[in-house]
Amino acid sequence: MYCILWKYDVDSANHAEFEKEYGRSGAWFKFFEPCDDYFGHDLLKNTDGNSYTLIDRWMSKKDYEGFLKSNKAEYDQMNEKFSGLYTSETCLGTFDLIQ
């Protein structure tokens, strides 16, 4: 399994909307869900209350990159639409799950 970790800094005024759109039943989940190689994601709220970590899970890096390439226009539109919900987005890294 291929995992991507993202960190988001979010102003308190945007917490509810961010959690709605980036949570398990939000817009991002609905966007990726039709892909059989997408295994879901987890949204974690930091105990500091102002940042979140998102863990995306995919079958492989190739599957993730292929999905993004095939759906680039919609992905870019969603990125633009929701970018106002956070003050920064950082990719913390990509990982292969060891079983």
C-alpha atoms as a PDB file:
ATOM      1  CA  MET A   1       0.000   0.000   0.000  1.00  0.00           C
ATOM      2  CA  TYR A   2       1.175   3.511  -0.899  1.00  0.00           C
ATOM      3  CA  CYS A   3       0.459   6.310   1.603  1.00  0.00           C
ATOM      4  CA  ILE A   4       0.774  10.074   1.264  1.00  0.00           C
ATOM      5  CA  LEU A   5       0.828  12.295   4.360  1.00  0.00           C
ATOM      6  CA  TRP A   6      -0.301  15.902   4.120  1.00  0.00           C
ATOM      7  CA  LYS A   7      -0.229  18.623   6.775  1.00  0.00           C
ATOM      8  CA  TYR A   8      -2.723  21.485   6.718  1.00  0.00           C
ATOM      9  CA  ASP A   9      -2.690  24.592   8.893  1.00  0.00           C
ATOM     10  CA  VAL A  10      -6.263  25.806   9.322  1.00  0.00           C
ATOM     11  CA  ASP A  11      -7.661  28.941  10.945  1.00  0.00           C
ATOM     12  CA  SER A  12     -10.202  28.158  13.655  1.00  0.00           C
ATOM     13  CA  ALA A  13     -12.945  29.889  11.641  1.00  0.00           C
ATOM     14  CA  ASN A  14     -12.530  27.224   8.928  1.00  0.00           C
ATOM     15  CA  HIS A  15     -12.283  24.079  11.074  1.00  0.00           C
ATOM     16  CA  ALA A  16     -15.866  22.876  10.550  1.00  0.00           C
ATOM     17  CA  GLU A  17     -15.843  23.391   6.780  1.00  0.00           C
ATOM     18  CA  PHE A  18     -12.354  21.901   6.412  1.00  0.00           C
ATOM     19  CA  GLU A  19     -13.355  18.813   8.405  1.00  0.00           C
ATOM     20  CA  LYS A  20     -16.521  18.464   6.312  1.00  0.00           C
ATOM     21  CA  GLU A  21     -14.737  18.639   2.937  1.00  0.00           C
ATOM     22  CA  TYR A  22     -11.581  16.708   3.888  1.00  0.00           C
ATOM     23  CA  GLY A  23     -13.236  14.136   6.164  1.00  0.00           C
ATOM     24  CA  ARG A  24     -14.273  10.594   5.276  1.00  0.00           C
ATOM     25  CA  SER A  25     -17.533  11.594   3.597  1.00  0.00           C
ATOM     26  CA  GLY A  26     -16.367  14.909   2.150  1.00  0.00           C
ATOM     27  CA  ALA A  27     -15.779  16.139  -1.364  1.00  0.00           C
ATOM     28  CA  TRP A  28     -12.254  14.743  -1.607  1.00  0.00           C
ATOM     29  CA  PHE A  29     -13.347  11.267  -0.544  1.00  0.00           C
ATOM     30  CA  LYS A  30     -16.189  11.352  -3.085  1.00  0.00           C
ATOM     31  CA  PHE A  31     -13.742  12.436  -5.794  1.00  0.00           C
ATOM     32  CA  PHE A  32     -11.342   9.536  -5.186  1.00  0.00           C
ATOM     33  CA  GLU A  33     -13.888   6.883  -4.121  1.00  0.00           C
ATOM     34  CA  PRO A  34     -14.815   5.584  -7.617  1.00  0.00           C
ATOM     35  CA  CYS A  35     -11.211   4.447  -8.129  1.00  0.00           C
ATOM     36  CA  ASP A  36     -10.793   0.793  -7.103  1.00  0.00           C
ATOM     37  CA  ASP A  37      -7.148   1.469  -6.214  1.00  0.00           C
ATOM     38  CA  TYR A  38      -8.041   4.123  -3.619  1.00  0.00           C
ATOM     39  CA  PHE A  39      -8.272   2.691  -0.105  1.00  0.00           C
ATOM     40  CA  GLY A  40      -9.564   5.803   1.628  1.00  0.00           C
ATOM     41  CA  HIS A  41      -8.026   8.342   3.931  1.00  0.00           C
ATOM     42  CA  ASP A  42      -7.864   9.403   7.553  1.00  0.00           C
ATOM     43  CA  LEU A  43      -8.042  12.977   8.772  1.00  0.00           C
ATOM     44  CA  LEU A  44      -6.279  13.612  12.073  1.00  0.00           C
ATOM     45  CA  LYS A  45      -6.625  16.833  14.069  1.00  0.00           C
ATOM     46  CA  ASN A  46      -3.472  17.844  15.917  1.00  0.00           C
ATOM     47  CA  THR A  47      -3.906  18.354  19.630  1.00  0.00           C
ATOM     48  CA  ASP A  48      -2.748  21.965  19.115  1.00  0.00           C
ATOM     49  CA  GLY A  49      -6.122  22.471  17.451  1.00  0.00           C
ATOM     50  CA  ASN A  50      -4.810  24.397  14.449  1.00  0.00           C
ATOM     51  CA  SER A  51      -3.409  21.756  12.142  1.00  0.00           C
ATOM     52  CA  TYR A  52      -4.469  18.516  10.542  1.00  0.00           C
ATOM     53  CA  THR A  53      -2.699  15.530   9.043  1.00  0.00           C
ATOM     54  CA  LEU A  54      -4.341  13.693   6.172  1.00  0.00           C
ATOM     55  CA  ILE A  55      -3.258  10.170   5.260  1.00  0.00           C
ATOM     56  CA  ASP A  56      -4.232   9.042   1.745  1.00  0.00           C
ATOM     57  CA  ARG A  57      -4.016   5.303   1.027  1.00  0.00           C
ATOM     58  CA  TRP A  58      -3.607   3.840  -2.456  1.00  0.00           C
ATOM     59  CA  MET A  59      -2.756   0.454  -3.917  1.00  0.00           C
ATOM     60  CA  SER A  60       0.452   1.865  -5.429  1.00  0.00           C
ATOM     61  CA  LYS A  61       2.203   5.064  -6.441  1.00  0.00           C
ATOM     62  CA  LYS A  62       1.527   4.194 -10.073  1.00  0.00           C
ATOM     63  CA  ASP A  63      -2.225   3.945  -9.381  1.00  0.00           C
ATOM     64  CA  TYR A  64      -2.266   7.277  -7.541  1.00  0.00           C
ATOM     65  CA  GLU A  65      -0.334   9.084 -10.258  1.00  0.00           C
ATOM     66  CA  GLY A  66      -2.446   7.477 -12.994  1.00  0.00           C
ATOM     67  CA  PHE A  67      -5.665   8.622 -11.339  1.00  0.00           C
ATOM     68  CA  LEU A  68      -4.349  12.166 -10.961  1.00  0.00           C
ATOM     69  CA  LYS A  69      -3.238  12.278 -14.586  1.00  0.00           C
ATOM     70  CA  SER A  70      -6.611  11.010 -15.834  1.00  0.00           C
ATOM     71  CA  ASN A  71      -8.540  13.452 -13.643  1.00  0.00           C
ATOM     72  CA  LYS A  72      -6.208  16.454 -13.643  1.00  0.00           C
ATOM     73  CA  ALA A  73      -8.758  19.126 -14.604  1.00  0.00           C
ATOM     74  CA  GLU A  74     -11.230  18.143 -11.882  1.00  0.00           C
ATOM     75  CA  TYR A  75      -8.418  17.713  -9.321  1.00  0.00           C
ATOM     76  CA  ASP A  76      -7.087  21.205 -10.096  1.00  0.00           C
ATOM     77  CA  GLN A  77     -10.603  22.686  -9.804  1.00  0.00           C
ATOM     78  CA  MET A  78     -11.124  21.075  -6.403  1.00  0.00           C
ATOM     79  CA  ASN A  79      -7.711  22.244  -5.192  1.00  0.00           C
ATOM     80  CA  GLU A  80      -8.590  25.788  -6.162  1.00  0.00           C
ATOM     81  CA  LYS A  81     -12.089  25.570  -4.661  1.00  0.00           C
ATOM     82  CA  PHE A  82     -10.898  24.394  -1.237  1.00  0.00           C
ATOM     83  CA  SER A  83      -7.558  26.202  -0.965  1.00  0.00           C
ATOM     84  CA  GLY A  84      -9.220  29.006   0.982  1.00  0.00           C
ATOM     85  CA  LEU A  85      -9.972  26.602   3.846  1.00  0.00           C
ATOM     86  CA  TYR A  86      -6.325  26.346   4.935  1.00  0.00           C
ATOM     87  CA  THR A  87      -3.384  28.679   5.315  1.00  0.00           C
ATOM     88  CA  SER A  88      -0.756  26.123   4.275  1.00  0.00           C
ATOM     89  CA  GLU A  89      -0.562  22.652   2.771  1.00  0.00           C
ATOM     90  CA  THR A  90       2.611  20.565   3.087  1.00  0.00           C
ATOM     91  CA  CYS A  91       3.335  17.091   1.781  1.00  0.00           C
ATOM     92  CA  LEU A  92       5.085  15.384   4.703  1.00  0.00           C
ATOM     93  CA  GLY A  93       6.138  12.442   2.576  1.00  0.00           C
ATOM     94  CA  THR A  94       5.158   9.305   0.737  1.00  0.00           C
ATOM     95  CA  PHE A  95       5.427   5.867   2.267  1.00  0.00           C
ATOM     96  CA  ASP A  96       5.035   2.186   1.465  1.00  0.00           C
ATOM     97  CA  LEU A  97       3.216   0.187   4.115  1.00  0.00           C
ATOM     98  CA  ILE A  98       5.283  -2.666   5.554  1.00  0.00           C
ATOM     99  CA  GLN A  99       3.172  -5.689   6.412  1.00  0.00           C
END
